[in-house]
N, C-alpha and C. Protein backbone atom coordinates (compact mmCIF):
# COMPACT_ATOMS: atom_id res chain seq x y z
N MET A 1 -23.21 30.92 1.83
CA MET A 1 -22.83 30.64 0.45
C MET A 1 -23.39 31.75 -0.43
N ASN A 2 -22.60 32.42 -1.23
CA ASN A 2 -23.10 33.47 -2.09
C ASN A 2 -23.37 32.92 -3.49
N ARG A 3 -23.88 33.79 -4.38
CA ARG A 3 -24.31 33.32 -5.69
C ARG A 3 -23.16 32.80 -6.53
N LEU A 4 -21.96 33.30 -6.32
CA LEU A 4 -20.83 32.85 -7.09
C LEU A 4 -20.42 31.42 -6.71
N ASP A 5 -20.93 30.93 -5.58
CA ASP A 5 -20.59 29.58 -5.15
C ASP A 5 -21.52 28.52 -5.74
N VAL A 6 -22.55 28.93 -6.48
CA VAL A 6 -23.55 27.98 -6.97
C VAL A 6 -22.97 27.06 -8.04
N MET A 7 -22.16 27.60 -8.95
CA MET A 7 -21.70 26.80 -10.08
C MET A 7 -20.91 25.56 -9.66
N PRO A 8 -20.03 25.63 -8.65
CA PRO A 8 -19.36 24.39 -8.24
C PRO A 8 -20.34 23.31 -7.78
N VAL A 9 -21.43 23.72 -7.12
CA VAL A 9 -22.42 22.74 -6.68
C VAL A 9 -23.14 22.14 -7.88
N VAL A 10 -23.43 22.97 -8.87
CA VAL A 10 -24.10 22.48 -10.09
C VAL A 10 -23.20 21.46 -10.81
N ILE A 11 -21.91 21.76 -10.88
CA ILE A 11 -20.98 20.84 -11.52
C ILE A 11 -20.87 19.54 -10.73
N ALA A 12 -20.83 19.64 -9.41
CA ALA A 12 -20.81 18.45 -8.57
C ALA A 12 -22.06 17.60 -8.79
N THR A 13 -23.21 18.27 -8.91
CA THR A 13 -24.46 17.56 -9.20
C THR A 13 -24.35 16.81 -10.52
N GLY A 14 -23.70 17.43 -11.49
CA GLY A 14 -23.51 16.78 -12.79
C GLY A 14 -22.66 15.53 -12.69
N PHE A 15 -21.61 15.56 -11.87
CA PHE A 15 -20.77 14.37 -11.70
C PHE A 15 -21.57 13.23 -11.07
N VAL A 16 -22.39 13.56 -10.08
CA VAL A 16 -23.19 12.53 -9.41
C VAL A 16 -24.21 11.95 -10.39
N PHE A 17 -24.87 12.82 -11.14
CA PHE A 17 -25.83 12.36 -12.15
C PHE A 17 -25.09 11.52 -13.20
N GLY A 18 -23.87 11.94 -13.53
CA GLY A 18 -23.08 11.19 -14.51
C GLY A 18 -22.75 9.79 -14.05
N ALA A 19 -22.52 9.62 -12.74
CA ALA A 19 -22.27 8.28 -12.22
C ALA A 19 -23.47 7.38 -12.43
N GLN A 20 -24.66 7.91 -12.20
CA GLN A 20 -25.86 7.11 -12.42
C GLN A 20 -26.07 6.84 -13.91
N LEU A 21 -25.83 7.84 -14.75
CA LEU A 21 -25.96 7.63 -16.19
C LEU A 21 -25.01 6.54 -16.68
N THR A 22 -23.80 6.55 -16.14
CA THR A 22 -22.81 5.55 -16.53
C THR A 22 -23.31 4.15 -16.20
N TYR A 23 -23.87 4.00 -15.01
CA TYR A 23 -24.42 2.70 -14.61
C TYR A 23 -25.52 2.26 -15.58
N PHE A 24 -26.46 3.16 -15.87
CA PHE A 24 -27.56 2.78 -16.77
C PHE A 24 -27.05 2.45 -18.16
N ALA A 25 -25.97 3.12 -18.59
CA ALA A 25 -25.43 2.86 -19.92
C ALA A 25 -24.85 1.46 -20.06
N VAL A 26 -24.34 0.90 -18.96
CA VAL A 26 -23.70 -0.42 -19.03
C VAL A 26 -24.52 -1.51 -18.36
N ALA A 27 -25.72 -1.18 -17.85
CA ALA A 27 -26.50 -2.17 -17.11
C ALA A 27 -26.83 -3.39 -17.94
N ALA A 28 -27.17 -3.18 -19.21
CA ALA A 28 -27.52 -4.32 -20.07
C ALA A 28 -26.31 -5.24 -20.27
N ASP A 29 -25.14 -4.66 -20.51
CA ASP A 29 -23.92 -5.47 -20.65
C ASP A 29 -23.57 -6.13 -19.32
N LEU A 30 -23.78 -5.41 -18.24
CA LEU A 30 -23.42 -5.93 -16.93
C LEU A 30 -24.22 -7.17 -16.57
N PHE A 31 -25.53 -7.04 -16.59
CA PHE A 31 -26.37 -8.15 -16.15
C PHE A 31 -26.73 -9.12 -17.29
N GLY A 32 -26.90 -8.58 -18.50
CA GLY A 32 -27.32 -9.42 -19.61
C GLY A 32 -26.19 -10.21 -20.24
N VAL A 33 -24.99 -9.59 -20.34
CA VAL A 33 -23.87 -10.24 -21.02
C VAL A 33 -22.88 -10.83 -20.02
N LEU A 34 -22.36 -10.00 -19.11
CA LEU A 34 -21.32 -10.47 -18.20
C LEU A 34 -21.84 -11.58 -17.29
N TYR A 35 -23.03 -11.39 -16.74
CA TYR A 35 -23.59 -12.39 -15.82
C TYR A 35 -24.61 -13.30 -16.48
N GLY A 36 -24.98 -13.02 -17.72
CA GLY A 36 -25.91 -13.88 -18.43
C GLY A 36 -27.28 -13.98 -17.79
N LEU A 37 -27.77 -12.87 -17.24
CA LEU A 37 -29.06 -12.88 -16.54
C LEU A 37 -30.00 -11.81 -17.08
N PRO A 38 -30.23 -11.76 -18.38
CA PRO A 38 -31.10 -10.69 -18.91
C PRO A 38 -32.52 -10.75 -18.35
N GLU A 39 -33.00 -11.96 -18.05
CA GLU A 39 -34.37 -12.07 -17.54
C GLU A 39 -34.50 -11.53 -16.11
N LEU A 40 -33.39 -11.49 -15.37
CA LEU A 40 -33.43 -10.98 -14.00
C LEU A 40 -33.08 -9.49 -13.91
N MET A 41 -32.75 -8.89 -15.03
CA MET A 41 -32.30 -7.50 -15.00
C MET A 41 -33.34 -6.56 -14.36
N PRO A 42 -34.62 -6.63 -14.69
CA PRO A 42 -35.58 -5.73 -14.02
C PRO A 42 -35.59 -5.90 -12.51
N ALA A 43 -35.51 -7.15 -12.05
CA ALA A 43 -35.52 -7.39 -10.60
C ALA A 43 -34.26 -6.85 -9.95
N LEU A 44 -33.11 -7.01 -10.62
CA LEU A 44 -31.86 -6.52 -10.06
C LEU A 44 -31.83 -4.99 -10.03
N LEU A 45 -32.37 -4.37 -11.08
CA LEU A 45 -32.46 -2.91 -11.09
C LEU A 45 -33.37 -2.42 -9.96
N ALA A 46 -34.47 -3.13 -9.75
CA ALA A 46 -35.38 -2.74 -8.67
C ALA A 46 -34.73 -2.91 -7.31
N LEU A 47 -33.95 -3.98 -7.16
CA LEU A 47 -33.25 -4.21 -5.90
C LEU A 47 -32.29 -3.07 -5.60
N LEU A 48 -31.54 -2.64 -6.60
CA LEU A 48 -30.62 -1.52 -6.39
C LEU A 48 -31.37 -0.22 -6.10
N ALA A 49 -32.53 -0.07 -6.72
CA ALA A 49 -33.32 1.14 -6.49
C ALA A 49 -33.79 1.24 -5.05
N THR A 50 -33.90 0.11 -4.35
CA THR A 50 -34.28 0.18 -2.94
C THR A 50 -33.23 0.91 -2.12
N GLY A 51 -31.98 0.90 -2.58
CA GLY A 51 -30.94 1.66 -1.88
C GLY A 51 -31.24 3.15 -1.91
N MET A 52 -31.65 3.65 -3.08
CA MET A 52 -32.00 5.07 -3.17
C MET A 52 -33.22 5.37 -2.31
N GLY A 53 -34.20 4.48 -2.35
CA GLY A 53 -35.39 4.69 -1.55
C GLY A 53 -35.09 4.74 -0.06
N ALA A 54 -34.25 3.83 0.40
CA ALA A 54 -33.89 3.81 1.82
C ALA A 54 -33.17 5.10 2.21
N ALA A 55 -32.28 5.58 1.33
CA ALA A 55 -31.56 6.81 1.63
C ALA A 55 -32.51 8.00 1.69
N LEU A 56 -33.48 8.05 0.80
CA LEU A 56 -34.43 9.16 0.79
C LEU A 56 -35.25 9.19 2.08
N LEU A 57 -35.65 8.00 2.55
CA LEU A 57 -36.40 7.94 3.80
C LEU A 57 -35.55 8.39 4.99
N LEU A 58 -34.30 7.93 5.02
CA LEU A 58 -33.41 8.33 6.10
C LEU A 58 -33.07 9.81 6.03
N ASN A 59 -32.96 10.32 4.81
CA ASN A 59 -32.60 11.72 4.61
C ASN A 59 -33.64 12.65 5.23
N VAL A 60 -34.90 12.27 5.16
CA VAL A 60 -35.96 13.09 5.75
C VAL A 60 -35.72 13.28 7.25
N ARG A 61 -35.26 12.22 7.91
CA ARG A 61 -34.99 12.31 9.34
C ARG A 61 -33.73 13.12 9.64
N LEU A 62 -32.73 13.00 8.76
CA LEU A 62 -31.45 13.66 9.01
C LEU A 62 -31.49 15.17 8.78
N LEU A 63 -32.25 15.61 7.79
CA LEU A 63 -32.19 17.01 7.40
C LEU A 63 -32.51 17.96 8.55
N GLY A 64 -33.51 17.62 9.33
CA GLY A 64 -33.89 18.50 10.42
C GLY A 64 -32.83 18.60 11.50
N ARG A 65 -32.00 17.57 11.61
CA ARG A 65 -30.98 17.55 12.67
C ARG A 65 -29.64 18.10 12.21
N THR A 66 -29.28 17.85 10.97
CA THR A 66 -27.92 18.16 10.52
C THR A 66 -27.84 19.20 9.42
N GLY A 67 -28.93 19.50 8.73
CA GLY A 67 -28.84 20.34 7.55
C GLY A 67 -28.41 19.49 6.36
N MET A 68 -28.17 20.15 5.23
CA MET A 68 -27.85 19.42 4.00
C MET A 68 -26.40 18.98 3.90
N GLU A 69 -25.50 19.71 4.55
CA GLU A 69 -24.08 19.46 4.32
C GLU A 69 -23.64 18.06 4.76
N VAL A 70 -24.08 17.63 5.93
CA VAL A 70 -23.64 16.32 6.44
C VAL A 70 -24.15 15.18 5.57
N PRO A 71 -25.44 15.14 5.16
CA PRO A 71 -25.86 14.09 4.24
C PRO A 71 -25.11 14.11 2.91
N ILE A 72 -24.77 15.32 2.43
CA ILE A 72 -24.02 15.40 1.17
C ILE A 72 -22.64 14.77 1.33
N VAL A 73 -21.92 15.16 2.38
CA VAL A 73 -20.59 14.60 2.59
C VAL A 73 -20.67 13.10 2.86
N SER A 74 -21.66 12.67 3.64
CA SER A 74 -21.84 11.24 3.90
C SER A 74 -22.10 10.49 2.60
N GLY A 75 -22.93 11.07 1.75
CA GLY A 75 -23.21 10.44 0.46
C GLY A 75 -21.96 10.31 -0.41
N LEU A 76 -21.15 11.36 -0.42
CA LEU A 76 -19.91 11.31 -1.21
C LEU A 76 -18.94 10.26 -0.67
N LEU A 77 -18.84 10.18 0.66
CA LEU A 77 -17.97 9.17 1.25
C LEU A 77 -18.45 7.75 0.92
N LEU A 78 -19.75 7.54 1.01
CA LEU A 78 -20.31 6.21 0.70
C LEU A 78 -20.15 5.88 -0.78
N LEU A 79 -20.36 6.87 -1.64
CA LEU A 79 -20.21 6.64 -3.08
C LEU A 79 -18.77 6.27 -3.41
N GLY A 80 -17.82 7.00 -2.81
CA GLY A 80 -16.41 6.68 -3.02
C GLY A 80 -16.05 5.31 -2.48
N ALA A 81 -16.57 4.97 -1.31
CA ALA A 81 -16.29 3.66 -0.72
C ALA A 81 -16.86 2.54 -1.58
N SER A 82 -18.07 2.76 -2.10
CA SER A 82 -18.68 1.77 -3.00
C SER A 82 -17.82 1.56 -4.24
N GLY A 83 -17.37 2.67 -4.83
CA GLY A 83 -16.53 2.57 -6.02
C GLY A 83 -15.20 1.88 -5.74
N MET A 84 -14.58 2.21 -4.61
CA MET A 84 -13.31 1.57 -4.26
C MET A 84 -13.51 0.07 -4.02
N GLY A 85 -14.62 -0.28 -3.37
CA GLY A 85 -14.93 -1.69 -3.18
C GLY A 85 -15.11 -2.42 -4.49
N LEU A 86 -15.80 -1.78 -5.44
CA LEU A 86 -15.99 -2.40 -6.76
C LEU A 86 -14.67 -2.52 -7.51
N LEU A 87 -13.80 -1.50 -7.38
CA LEU A 87 -12.48 -1.59 -8.02
C LEU A 87 -11.69 -2.77 -7.46
N ALA A 88 -11.71 -2.92 -6.13
CA ALA A 88 -10.98 -4.03 -5.51
C ALA A 88 -11.56 -5.37 -5.94
N ALA A 89 -12.89 -5.46 -5.95
CA ALA A 89 -13.53 -6.71 -6.35
C ALA A 89 -13.21 -7.05 -7.81
N ALA A 90 -13.22 -6.03 -8.67
CA ALA A 90 -12.91 -6.26 -10.08
C ALA A 90 -11.45 -6.67 -10.26
N ALA A 91 -10.56 -6.05 -9.50
CA ALA A 91 -9.13 -6.38 -9.61
C ALA A 91 -8.86 -7.81 -9.17
N LEU A 92 -9.58 -8.28 -8.16
CA LEU A 92 -9.35 -9.63 -7.62
C LEU A 92 -9.99 -10.72 -8.47
N THR A 93 -10.93 -10.34 -9.33
CA THR A 93 -11.68 -11.35 -10.08
C THR A 93 -11.61 -11.14 -11.59
N ASP A 94 -10.64 -10.38 -12.04
CA ASP A 94 -10.48 -10.09 -13.46
C ASP A 94 -11.75 -9.47 -14.05
N GLY A 95 -12.34 -8.54 -13.31
CA GLY A 95 -13.49 -7.81 -13.80
C GLY A 95 -14.81 -8.54 -13.70
N HIS A 96 -14.85 -9.66 -12.96
CA HIS A 96 -16.09 -10.45 -12.88
C HIS A 96 -16.32 -10.91 -11.44
N PRO A 97 -16.63 -9.97 -10.54
CA PRO A 97 -16.84 -10.36 -9.14
C PRO A 97 -18.12 -11.18 -8.99
N PRO A 98 -18.26 -11.93 -7.90
CA PRO A 98 -19.52 -12.65 -7.66
C PRO A 98 -20.69 -11.68 -7.69
N LEU A 99 -21.81 -12.15 -8.19
CA LEU A 99 -22.98 -11.29 -8.33
C LEU A 99 -23.40 -10.69 -6.99
N ALA A 100 -23.34 -11.47 -5.92
CA ALA A 100 -23.75 -10.97 -4.61
C ALA A 100 -22.86 -9.81 -4.17
N ALA A 101 -21.55 -9.92 -4.43
CA ALA A 101 -20.63 -8.84 -4.08
C ALA A 101 -20.93 -7.59 -4.90
N LEU A 102 -21.18 -7.78 -6.18
CA LEU A 102 -21.50 -6.65 -7.05
C LEU A 102 -22.76 -5.94 -6.56
N ILE A 103 -23.81 -6.71 -6.31
CA ILE A 103 -25.08 -6.12 -5.88
C ILE A 103 -24.91 -5.40 -4.54
N GLY A 104 -24.20 -6.03 -3.60
CA GLY A 104 -24.01 -5.41 -2.30
C GLY A 104 -23.28 -4.09 -2.39
N LEU A 105 -22.19 -4.06 -3.14
CA LEU A 105 -21.40 -2.84 -3.27
C LEU A 105 -22.15 -1.77 -4.06
N ALA A 106 -22.83 -2.20 -5.13
CA ALA A 106 -23.60 -1.24 -5.93
C ALA A 106 -24.77 -0.69 -5.13
N TRP A 107 -25.36 -1.52 -4.25
CA TRP A 107 -26.46 -1.04 -3.41
C TRP A 107 -25.99 0.12 -2.52
N VAL A 108 -24.79 -0.01 -1.99
CA VAL A 108 -24.24 1.09 -1.17
C VAL A 108 -24.09 2.34 -2.03
N GLY A 109 -23.64 2.16 -3.27
CA GLY A 109 -23.51 3.30 -4.17
C GLY A 109 -24.85 3.96 -4.46
N PHE A 110 -25.87 3.15 -4.66
CA PHE A 110 -27.19 3.72 -4.92
C PHE A 110 -27.77 4.37 -3.67
N PHE A 111 -27.47 3.82 -2.51
CA PHE A 111 -27.86 4.46 -1.26
C PHE A 111 -27.23 5.85 -1.18
N ALA A 112 -25.96 5.93 -1.55
CA ALA A 112 -25.26 7.22 -1.56
C ALA A 112 -25.91 8.19 -2.55
N LEU A 113 -26.27 7.70 -3.72
CA LEU A 113 -26.91 8.55 -4.71
C LEU A 113 -28.24 9.09 -4.18
N GLY A 114 -28.96 8.28 -3.41
CA GLY A 114 -30.20 8.74 -2.82
C GLY A 114 -29.99 9.91 -1.88
N PHE A 115 -28.90 9.89 -1.14
CA PHE A 115 -28.55 11.03 -0.28
C PHE A 115 -28.22 12.27 -1.12
N LEU A 116 -27.54 12.06 -2.23
CA LEU A 116 -26.94 13.17 -2.95
C LEU A 116 -27.90 13.93 -3.85
N PHE A 117 -28.77 13.24 -4.57
CA PHE A 117 -29.55 13.93 -5.60
C PHE A 117 -30.37 15.08 -5.06
N GLY A 118 -31.27 14.81 -4.14
CA GLY A 118 -32.12 15.87 -3.63
C GLY A 118 -31.36 16.95 -2.89
N ASN A 119 -30.38 16.53 -2.10
CA ASN A 119 -29.64 17.49 -1.29
C ASN A 119 -28.78 18.42 -2.14
N LEU A 120 -28.14 17.89 -3.18
CA LEU A 120 -27.31 18.75 -4.02
C LEU A 120 -28.15 19.77 -4.77
N ASN A 121 -29.29 19.33 -5.29
CA ASN A 121 -30.17 20.28 -5.99
C ASN A 121 -30.66 21.37 -5.04
N ALA A 122 -31.08 20.97 -3.85
CA ALA A 122 -31.55 21.95 -2.87
C ALA A 122 -30.43 22.87 -2.43
N PHE A 123 -29.22 22.32 -2.29
CA PHE A 123 -28.06 23.09 -1.88
C PHE A 123 -27.74 24.17 -2.91
N ALA A 124 -27.83 23.79 -4.20
CA ALA A 124 -27.56 24.75 -5.27
C ALA A 124 -28.66 25.81 -5.34
N MET A 125 -29.89 25.42 -5.03
CA MET A 125 -31.01 26.36 -5.13
C MET A 125 -31.08 27.33 -3.95
N ARG A 126 -30.47 26.96 -2.83
CA ARG A 126 -30.65 27.73 -1.59
C ARG A 126 -30.36 29.22 -1.74
N PRO A 127 -29.26 29.63 -2.37
CA PRO A 127 -29.01 31.07 -2.48
C PRO A 127 -29.77 31.74 -3.62
N LEU A 128 -30.58 30.96 -4.36
CA LEU A 128 -31.25 31.50 -5.54
C LEU A 128 -32.76 31.45 -5.39
N GLY A 129 -33.23 31.55 -4.15
CA GLY A 129 -34.66 31.40 -3.91
C GLY A 129 -35.52 32.37 -4.68
N ASP A 130 -35.03 33.59 -4.92
CA ASP A 130 -35.83 34.59 -5.63
C ASP A 130 -35.87 34.33 -7.13
N LEU A 131 -35.03 33.43 -7.61
CA LEU A 131 -34.99 33.08 -9.03
C LEU A 131 -35.19 31.57 -9.23
N ALA A 132 -36.02 30.98 -8.40
CA ALA A 132 -36.10 29.52 -8.32
C ALA A 132 -36.42 28.87 -9.66
N GLY A 133 -37.38 29.39 -10.40
CA GLY A 133 -37.77 28.76 -11.66
C GLY A 133 -36.65 28.77 -12.68
N LEU A 134 -36.08 29.94 -12.91
CA LEU A 134 -34.98 30.06 -13.86
C LEU A 134 -33.77 29.27 -13.38
N ALA A 135 -33.47 29.37 -12.08
CA ALA A 135 -32.31 28.65 -11.54
C ALA A 135 -32.46 27.15 -11.71
N SER A 136 -33.67 26.63 -11.49
CA SER A 136 -33.89 25.19 -11.64
C SER A 136 -33.59 24.73 -13.06
N SER A 137 -34.02 25.51 -14.04
CA SER A 137 -33.78 25.15 -15.44
C SER A 137 -32.29 25.18 -15.76
N ILE A 138 -31.61 26.22 -15.28
CA ILE A 138 -30.17 26.34 -15.55
C ILE A 138 -29.40 25.22 -14.87
N ILE A 139 -29.74 24.93 -13.62
CA ILE A 139 -29.06 23.85 -12.89
C ILE A 139 -29.25 22.52 -13.61
N ALA A 140 -30.49 22.23 -14.04
CA ALA A 140 -30.76 20.98 -14.74
C ALA A 140 -29.99 20.90 -16.05
N SER A 141 -29.94 22.01 -16.78
CA SER A 141 -29.25 22.01 -18.08
C SER A 141 -27.75 21.80 -17.93
N VAL A 142 -27.14 22.59 -17.04
CA VAL A 142 -25.68 22.51 -16.87
C VAL A 142 -25.28 21.16 -16.29
N SER A 143 -26.01 20.69 -15.28
CA SER A 143 -25.65 19.41 -14.67
C SER A 143 -25.83 18.26 -15.65
N SER A 144 -26.81 18.36 -16.54
CA SER A 144 -27.01 17.31 -17.55
C SER A 144 -25.86 17.28 -18.54
N ILE A 145 -25.38 18.45 -18.94
CA ILE A 145 -24.23 18.51 -19.85
C ILE A 145 -22.99 17.91 -19.18
N VAL A 146 -22.75 18.29 -17.93
CA VAL A 146 -21.62 17.74 -17.18
C VAL A 146 -21.76 16.23 -17.06
N ALA A 147 -22.97 15.76 -16.77
CA ALA A 147 -23.20 14.33 -16.61
C ALA A 147 -22.92 13.57 -17.90
N PHE A 148 -23.36 14.11 -19.03
CA PHE A 148 -23.13 13.45 -20.31
C PHE A 148 -21.65 13.37 -20.64
N VAL A 149 -20.94 14.47 -20.44
CA VAL A 149 -19.50 14.48 -20.72
C VAL A 149 -18.77 13.51 -19.79
N PHE A 150 -19.12 13.53 -18.52
CA PHE A 150 -18.49 12.64 -17.54
C PHE A 150 -18.74 11.18 -17.88
N ALA A 151 -19.99 10.81 -18.13
CA ALA A 151 -20.33 9.43 -18.44
C ALA A 151 -19.64 8.96 -19.72
N SER A 152 -19.61 9.84 -20.71
CA SER A 152 -18.95 9.48 -21.98
C SER A 152 -17.46 9.26 -21.77
N ALA A 153 -16.82 10.13 -20.99
CA ALA A 153 -15.38 10.01 -20.75
C ALA A 153 -15.06 8.73 -20.00
N VAL A 154 -15.82 8.42 -18.96
CA VAL A 154 -15.57 7.19 -18.20
C VAL A 154 -15.78 5.98 -19.08
N GLY A 155 -16.82 5.99 -19.89
CA GLY A 155 -17.09 4.86 -20.78
C GLY A 155 -15.99 4.63 -21.80
N LEU A 156 -15.33 5.71 -22.23
CA LEU A 156 -14.25 5.58 -23.20
C LEU A 156 -12.97 5.07 -22.57
N VAL A 157 -12.73 5.45 -21.32
CA VAL A 157 -11.45 5.14 -20.67
C VAL A 157 -11.45 3.75 -20.04
N ALA A 158 -12.54 3.39 -19.36
CA ALA A 158 -12.59 2.11 -18.64
C ALA A 158 -13.13 1.02 -19.54
N GLU A 159 -12.64 -0.19 -19.34
CA GLU A 159 -13.08 -1.35 -20.13
C GLU A 159 -13.74 -2.37 -19.22
N GLY A 160 -14.90 -2.86 -19.65
CA GLY A 160 -15.63 -3.83 -18.85
C GLY A 160 -16.63 -3.13 -17.97
N PRO A 161 -17.86 -3.63 -17.90
CA PRO A 161 -18.93 -2.90 -17.19
C PRO A 161 -18.68 -2.69 -15.71
N VAL A 162 -18.05 -3.65 -15.03
CA VAL A 162 -17.79 -3.47 -13.60
C VAL A 162 -16.77 -2.36 -13.40
N TRP A 163 -15.72 -2.36 -14.20
CA TRP A 163 -14.71 -1.31 -14.11
C TRP A 163 -15.31 0.06 -14.39
N VAL A 164 -16.20 0.13 -15.38
CA VAL A 164 -16.82 1.41 -15.74
C VAL A 164 -17.62 1.96 -14.57
N VAL A 165 -18.46 1.13 -13.96
CA VAL A 165 -19.27 1.58 -12.83
C VAL A 165 -18.38 1.96 -11.66
N ALA A 166 -17.37 1.15 -11.39
CA ALA A 166 -16.48 1.42 -10.26
C ALA A 166 -15.78 2.76 -10.42
N TRP A 167 -15.20 3.00 -11.59
CA TRP A 167 -14.50 4.27 -11.80
C TRP A 167 -15.46 5.44 -11.79
N ALA A 168 -16.66 5.24 -12.32
CA ALA A 168 -17.64 6.32 -12.30
C ALA A 168 -17.98 6.73 -10.87
N PHE A 169 -18.19 5.74 -9.99
CA PHE A 169 -18.51 6.05 -8.60
C PHE A 169 -17.34 6.75 -7.90
N VAL A 170 -16.13 6.23 -8.08
CA VAL A 170 -14.96 6.82 -7.43
C VAL A 170 -14.71 8.24 -7.92
N LEU A 171 -14.68 8.43 -9.22
CA LEU A 171 -14.36 9.75 -9.77
C LEU A 171 -15.46 10.75 -9.45
N ALA A 172 -16.72 10.32 -9.52
CA ALA A 172 -17.81 11.24 -9.19
C ALA A 172 -17.71 11.70 -7.73
N ALA A 173 -17.38 10.77 -6.84
CA ALA A 173 -17.26 11.13 -5.43
C ALA A 173 -16.11 12.10 -5.20
N LEU A 174 -14.95 11.80 -5.78
CA LEU A 174 -13.78 12.66 -5.58
C LEU A 174 -13.98 14.05 -6.18
N LEU A 175 -14.41 14.09 -7.43
CA LEU A 175 -14.57 15.38 -8.10
C LEU A 175 -15.67 16.21 -7.45
N SER A 176 -16.77 15.56 -7.09
CA SER A 176 -17.85 16.29 -6.43
C SER A 176 -17.41 16.84 -5.08
N ALA A 177 -16.64 16.04 -4.33
CA ALA A 177 -16.17 16.51 -3.03
C ALA A 177 -15.32 17.77 -3.18
N VAL A 178 -14.46 17.79 -4.17
CA VAL A 178 -13.62 18.98 -4.40
C VAL A 178 -14.48 20.20 -4.69
N PHE A 179 -15.46 20.05 -5.57
CA PHE A 179 -16.29 21.19 -5.95
C PHE A 179 -17.20 21.64 -4.80
N ILE A 180 -17.69 20.69 -4.02
CA ILE A 180 -18.52 21.06 -2.87
C ILE A 180 -17.70 21.83 -1.85
N LEU A 181 -16.48 21.38 -1.57
CA LEU A 181 -15.64 22.09 -0.60
C LEU A 181 -15.28 23.48 -1.09
N VAL A 182 -15.13 23.64 -2.40
CA VAL A 182 -14.87 24.97 -2.96
C VAL A 182 -16.09 25.87 -2.77
N ALA A 183 -17.28 25.28 -2.87
CA ALA A 183 -18.51 26.08 -2.81
C ALA A 183 -18.84 26.56 -1.41
N ILE A 184 -18.45 25.78 -0.40
CA ILE A 184 -18.84 26.12 0.98
C ILE A 184 -17.91 27.21 1.52
N PRO A 185 -18.46 28.28 2.11
CA PRO A 185 -17.62 29.33 2.70
C PRO A 185 -16.71 28.77 3.79
N ASP A 186 -15.62 29.48 4.08
CA ASP A 186 -14.60 28.99 5.01
C ASP A 186 -15.17 28.58 6.35
N GLY A 187 -16.01 29.42 6.94
CA GLY A 187 -16.55 29.10 8.26
C GLY A 187 -17.39 27.83 8.24
N SER A 188 -18.25 27.71 7.24
CA SER A 188 -19.08 26.51 7.12
C SER A 188 -18.23 25.29 6.80
N ARG A 189 -17.19 25.49 5.99
CA ARG A 189 -16.32 24.37 5.63
C ARG A 189 -15.61 23.83 6.86
N ASN A 190 -15.07 24.73 7.67
CA ASN A 190 -14.38 24.29 8.89
C ASN A 190 -15.33 23.57 9.85
N ARG A 191 -16.53 24.12 9.98
CA ARG A 191 -17.53 23.49 10.86
C ARG A 191 -17.91 22.10 10.34
N LEU A 192 -18.07 21.98 9.03
CA LEU A 192 -18.42 20.70 8.43
C LEU A 192 -17.30 19.68 8.62
N LEU A 193 -16.06 20.10 8.41
CA LEU A 193 -14.93 19.19 8.58
C LEU A 193 -14.79 18.74 10.03
N ARG A 194 -15.11 19.63 10.97
CA ARG A 194 -15.10 19.23 12.37
C ARG A 194 -16.21 18.24 12.66
N THR A 195 -17.36 18.45 12.06
CA THR A 195 -18.51 17.57 12.29
C THR A 195 -18.21 16.14 11.87
N ILE A 196 -17.52 15.99 10.74
CA ILE A 196 -17.23 14.64 10.25
C ILE A 196 -15.88 14.12 10.73
N GLY A 197 -15.22 14.88 11.62
CA GLY A 197 -14.02 14.39 12.28
C GLY A 197 -12.72 14.57 11.54
N ILE A 198 -12.72 15.40 10.47
CA ILE A 198 -11.48 15.59 9.72
C ILE A 198 -10.64 16.70 10.33
N ARG A 199 -11.28 17.64 10.99
CA ARG A 199 -10.55 18.79 11.57
C ARG A 199 -11.04 19.01 12.98
N ARG A 200 -10.12 19.39 13.88
CA ARG A 200 -10.50 19.68 15.26
C ARG A 200 -10.82 21.15 15.43
């Protein structure tokens, strides 16, 4: 990956961060208003955070065996699957799925986010090792701007907190996947697609 490939990864990082921002923006409406459980909101947030924690622990084991690319693609697939599951659940229940279904599907999404955050940042930093300090600041700034724009756009378009989270997960996964595939050189891209079974 050369230096010109860094920006697509930074933008992808912004989409992933934007998905999490979107969730936090609607969490109060989701648990406090839609489900009427404001007193349980801290516990439910902590429960979802265990998904990220579990992914981080598993990621430590995976990195030495697979490198960063496979956990990144796995995270994007899981994030997209979580979002699609939430979309289906919302469609079947008029935007108010059972709490257990919501938590289960959102937990998968947070597990995916745990895979993505550290790996995407490290992936973007890899070709910029000699400029690590400056690169880290630029990556954080650009990805934060992308995240804010993404979260704001999803919040304006989707109605209802479950729909907002679902679309944020789906769109973040799809858009990030496109930018990541653009960033990876042809040889690495083909090898990665073979690894996950998309190409022979």
